[in-house]
């Protein structure tokens, strides 16, 4: 059975500054450059995770600096392919 996180409210998270290659994260694929960036460490360390709720997230991509609004449905669970603030994973 998958663990889950339910998000409600409005958030303005800041992208995590340094991803660790092989580390698991929750974040977004930038609407402009499509690079993945993390806003949270993945508490399940890659295990199946159900993300739900009606939250909104306004944040800037650390790769292209474009600020966008995302929903809970836009959250992705990913494993970083390389270090730095964004990943091709």
C-alpha atoms as a PDB file:
ATOM      1  CA  UNK A   1       0.000   0.000   0.000  1.00  0.00           C
ATOM      2  CA  UNK A   2       1.407   3.380  -1.023  1.00  0.00           C
ATOM      3  CA  UNK A   3       2.076   6.151   1.454  1.00  0.00           C
ATOM      4  CA  UNK A   4       0.399   9.476   0.772  1.00  0.00           C
ATOM      5  CA  UNK A   5       0.676  13.204   1.331  1.00  0.00           C
ATOM      6  CA  UNK A   6      -2.356  15.501   1.112  1.00  0.00           C
ATOM      7  CA  UNK A   7      -1.551  19.159   0.329  1.00  0.00           C
ATOM      8  CA  UNK A   8      -3.976  22.042   0.915  1.00  0.00           C
ATOM      9  CA  UNK A   9      -3.427  25.803   0.825  1.00  0.00           C
ATOM     10  CA  UNK A  10      -1.113  28.097  -1.091  1.00  0.00           C
ATOM     11  CA  UNK A  11       2.652  27.647  -0.925  1.00  0.00           C
ATOM     12  CA  UNK A  12       5.652  29.597  -2.203  1.00  0.00           C
ATOM     13  CA  UNK A  13       8.456  27.034  -1.877  1.00  0.00           C
ATOM     14  CA  UNK A  14      12.043  27.719  -2.835  1.00  0.00           C
ATOM     15  CA  UNK A  15      13.831  25.119  -4.951  1.00  0.00           C
ATOM     16  CA  UNK A  16      16.356  23.013  -3.074  1.00  0.00           C
ATOM     17  CA  UNK A  17      19.816  24.351  -3.978  1.00  0.00           C
ATOM     18  CA  UNK A  18      21.799  21.144  -4.352  1.00  0.00           C
ATOM     19  CA  UNK A  19      20.370  17.825  -5.468  1.00  0.00           C
ATOM     20  CA  UNK A  20      22.373  14.711  -4.653  1.00  0.00           C
ATOM     21  CA  UNK A  21      22.750  12.308  -7.602  1.00  0.00           C
ATOM     22  CA  UNK A  22      20.594   9.268  -6.842  1.00  0.00           C
ATOM     23  CA  UNK A  23      18.603  11.149  -4.184  1.00  0.00           C
ATOM     24  CA  UNK A  24      14.795  11.115  -4.255  1.00  0.00           C
ATOM     25  CA  UNK A  25      12.804  14.349  -4.342  1.00  0.00           C
ATOM     26  CA  UNK A  26       9.371  15.885  -4.838  1.00  0.00           C
ATOM     27  CA  UNK A  27       9.207  18.809  -7.201  1.00  0.00           C
ATOM     28  CA  UNK A  28       8.110  19.997 -10.602  1.00  0.00           C
ATOM     29  CA  UNK A  29       9.062  19.892 -14.271  1.00  0.00           C
ATOM     30  CA  UNK A  30       9.518  23.554 -15.204  1.00  0.00           C
ATOM     31  CA  UNK A  31       6.767  24.791 -17.520  1.00  0.00           C
ATOM     32  CA  UNK A  32       9.362  26.576 -19.661  1.00  0.00           C
ATOM     33  CA  UNK A  33      12.602  24.552 -19.771  1.00  0.00           C
ATOM     34  CA  UNK A  34      11.157  21.185 -18.562  1.00  0.00           C
ATOM     35  CA  UNK A  35      14.071  20.609 -16.142  1.00  0.00           C
ATOM     36  CA  UNK A  36      13.018  18.892 -12.911  1.00  0.00           C
ATOM     37  CA  UNK A  37      13.627  20.850  -9.724  1.00  0.00           C
ATOM     38  CA  UNK A  38      12.960  19.799  -6.157  1.00  0.00           C
ATOM     39  CA  UNK A  39      11.066  21.608  -3.422  1.00  0.00           C
ATOM     40  CA  UNK A  40      11.020  18.734  -0.887  1.00  0.00           C
ATOM     41  CA  UNK A  41      13.075  15.678  -0.044  1.00  0.00           C
ATOM     42  CA  UNK A  42      11.032  12.537  -0.782  1.00  0.00           C
ATOM     43  CA  UNK A  43      10.056  11.089   2.630  1.00  0.00           C
ATOM     44  CA  UNK A  44       9.423   7.664   1.057  1.00  0.00           C
ATOM     45  CA  UNK A  45      12.900   7.503  -0.567  1.00  0.00           C
ATOM     46  CA  UNK A  46      11.424   6.421  -3.894  1.00  0.00           C
ATOM     47  CA  UNK A  47       8.669   4.107  -2.660  1.00  0.00           C
ATOM     48  CA  UNK A  48       5.244   4.624  -4.275  1.00  0.00           C
ATOM     49  CA  UNK A  49       3.718   7.838  -2.959  1.00  0.00           C
ATOM     50  CA  UNK A  50       0.192   9.171  -3.536  1.00  0.00           C
ATOM     51  CA  UNK A  51       0.107  12.973  -3.774  1.00  0.00           C
ATOM     52  CA  UNK A  52      -3.301  14.607  -3.415  1.00  0.00           C
ATOM     53  CA  UNK A  53      -5.075  17.809  -2.466  1.00  0.00           C
ATOM     54  CA  UNK A  54      -6.031  21.162  -3.925  1.00  0.00           C
ATOM     55  CA  UNK A  55      -2.861  23.114  -3.075  1.00  0.00           C
ATOM     56  CA  UNK A  56      -1.200  25.680  -5.302  1.00  0.00           C
ATOM     57  CA  UNK A  57       2.546  26.232  -5.463  1.00  0.00           C
ATOM     58  CA  UNK A  58       4.158  29.401  -6.842  1.00  0.00           C
ATOM     59  CA  UNK A  59       7.871  28.964  -7.352  1.00  0.00           C
ATOM     60  CA  UNK A  60      10.740  29.822  -9.689  1.00  0.00           C
ATOM     61  CA  UNK A  61      12.763  27.304 -11.651  1.00  0.00           C
ATOM     62  CA  UNK A  62      16.428  27.442 -10.579  1.00  0.00           C
ATOM     63  CA  UNK A  63      17.528  26.570 -14.129  1.00  0.00           C
ATOM     64  CA  UNK A  64      15.759  29.295 -16.173  1.00  0.00           C
ATOM     65  CA  UNK A  65      14.441  31.536 -13.343  1.00  0.00           C
ATOM     66  CA  UNK A  66      10.854  31.532 -14.680  1.00  0.00           C
ATOM     67  CA  UNK A  67       8.234  31.770 -11.925  1.00  0.00           C
ATOM     68  CA  UNK A  68       5.117  29.655 -12.464  1.00  0.00           C
ATOM     69  CA  UNK A  69       2.136  28.362 -10.549  1.00  0.00           C
ATOM     70  CA  UNK A  70       1.745  24.615 -10.142  1.00  0.00           C
ATOM     71  CA  UNK A  71      -0.943  22.375  -8.651  1.00  0.00           C
ATOM     72  CA  UNK A  72      -0.611  19.233  -6.567  1.00  0.00           C
ATOM     73  CA  UNK A  73      -1.247  17.282  -9.777  1.00  0.00           C
ATOM     74  CA  UNK A  74       1.962  18.831 -11.198  1.00  0.00           C
ATOM     75  CA  UNK A  75       4.121  17.437  -8.362  1.00  0.00           C
ATOM     76  CA  UNK A  76       6.475  14.703  -9.496  1.00  0.00           C
ATOM     77  CA  UNK A  77       8.485  12.192  -7.534  1.00  0.00           C
ATOM     78  CA  UNK A  78      11.911  11.813  -9.119  1.00  0.00           C
ATOM     79  CA  UNK A  79      15.425  10.540  -8.598  1.00  0.00           C
ATOM     80  CA  UNK A  80      18.118  13.110  -9.415  1.00  0.00           C
ATOM     81  CA  UNK A  81      20.340  12.178 -12.329  1.00  0.00           C
ATOM     82  CA  UNK A  82      22.994  14.751 -11.401  1.00  0.00           C
ATOM     83  CA  UNK A  83      23.802  17.261  -8.692  1.00  0.00           C
ATOM     84  CA  UNK A  84      23.015  20.965  -8.752  1.00  0.00           C
ATOM     85  CA  UNK A  85      19.701  22.804  -8.467  1.00  0.00           C
ATOM     86  CA  UNK A  86      17.912  20.990 -11.330  1.00  0.00           C
ATOM     87  CA  UNK A  87      17.991  17.543 -12.919  1.00  0.00           C
ATOM     88  CA  UNK A  88      17.225  15.913 -16.237  1.00  0.00           C
ATOM     89  CA  UNK A  89      15.636  13.009 -14.331  1.00  0.00           C
END
